[in-house]
Amino acid sequence: MKQVYKVIWAEIAENDLQTIVSYIAEDSVSRALQILRKITKSASKLYQAPMRGRIIPEL
């Protein structure tokens, strides 16, 4: 049976993403939303190939 994984965002990662998107939105809201969707889509795929992501030692 295939092991099921769950993608969990660290609080600091969520905060960083929000900061990045807010910064980009100051120039272009549509571009900020486009980047947000791209990042969250990529992150959501990690459950299929968890070794593709990077493990942060301090977590």
Protein backbone atom coordinates (compact mmCIF):
# COMPACT_ATOMS: atom_id res chain seq x y z
CA MET A 1 0.00 0.00 0.00
CA LYS A 2 1.23 3.47 -0.89
CA GLN A 3 2.06 5.75 2.03
CA VAL A 4 -0.06 8.89 2.28
CA TYR A 5 1.68 12.16 3.07
CA LYS A 6 0.32 15.51 4.16
CA VAL A 7 1.83 18.88 3.29
CA ILE A 8 2.16 21.06 6.39
CA TRP A 9 3.19 24.70 6.14
CA ALA A 10 5.37 26.05 8.93
CA GLU A 11 3.94 29.21 10.47
CA ILE A 12 7.04 31.16 9.46
CA ALA A 13 6.65 29.95 5.87
CA GLU A 14 3.03 31.10 5.79
CA ASN A 15 4.08 34.49 7.18
CA ASP A 16 6.90 34.80 4.66
CA LEU A 17 4.58 33.93 1.79
CA GLN A 18 2.05 36.51 2.95
CA THR A 19 4.80 39.14 3.20
CA ILE A 20 6.10 38.34 -0.28
CA VAL A 21 2.64 38.42 -1.85
CA SER A 22 1.79 41.69 -0.11
CA TYR A 23 5.01 43.25 -1.37
CA ILE A 24 4.33 42.18 -4.96
CA ALA A 25 0.71 43.35 -4.67
CA GLU A 26 1.93 46.90 -4.01
CA ASP A 27 2.99 46.92 -7.66
CA SER A 28 0.50 44.46 -9.19
CA VAL A 29 -2.32 42.64 -7.41
CA SER A 30 -2.94 40.33 -10.37
CA ARG A 31 0.75 39.33 -10.50
CA ALA A 32 0.79 38.74 -6.74
CA LEU A 33 -2.22 36.42 -6.99
CA GLN A 34 -0.65 34.63 -9.95
CA ILE A 35 2.53 33.99 -7.97
CA LEU A 36 0.56 32.91 -4.88
CA ARG A 37 -1.38 30.36 -6.95
CA LYS A 38 1.83 29.03 -8.53
CA ILE A 39 3.56 28.60 -5.17
CA THR A 40 0.58 26.96 -3.45
CA LYS A 41 0.01 24.66 -6.44
CA SER A 42 3.65 23.54 -6.36
CA ALA A 43 3.57 23.04 -2.60
CA SER A 44 0.34 21.05 -2.76
CA LYS A 45 2.02 18.54 -5.09
CA LEU A 46 4.66 17.66 -2.48
CA TYR A 47 2.43 14.93 -1.02
CA GLN A 48 2.97 12.97 -4.25
CA ALA A 49 6.76 13.27 -4.14
CA PRO A 50 7.75 14.36 -0.62
CA MET A 51 11.47 13.92 -1.16
CA ARG A 52 11.28 16.65 -3.81
CA GLY A 53 10.91 19.25 -1.06
CA ARG A 54 13.56 20.51 1.29
CA ILE A 55 13.58 19.58 4.99
CA ILE A 56 14.37 22.53 7.22
CA PRO A 57 16.55 21.30 10.12
CA GLU A 58 15.25 23.82 12.65
CA LEU A 59 11.71 22.49 12.34
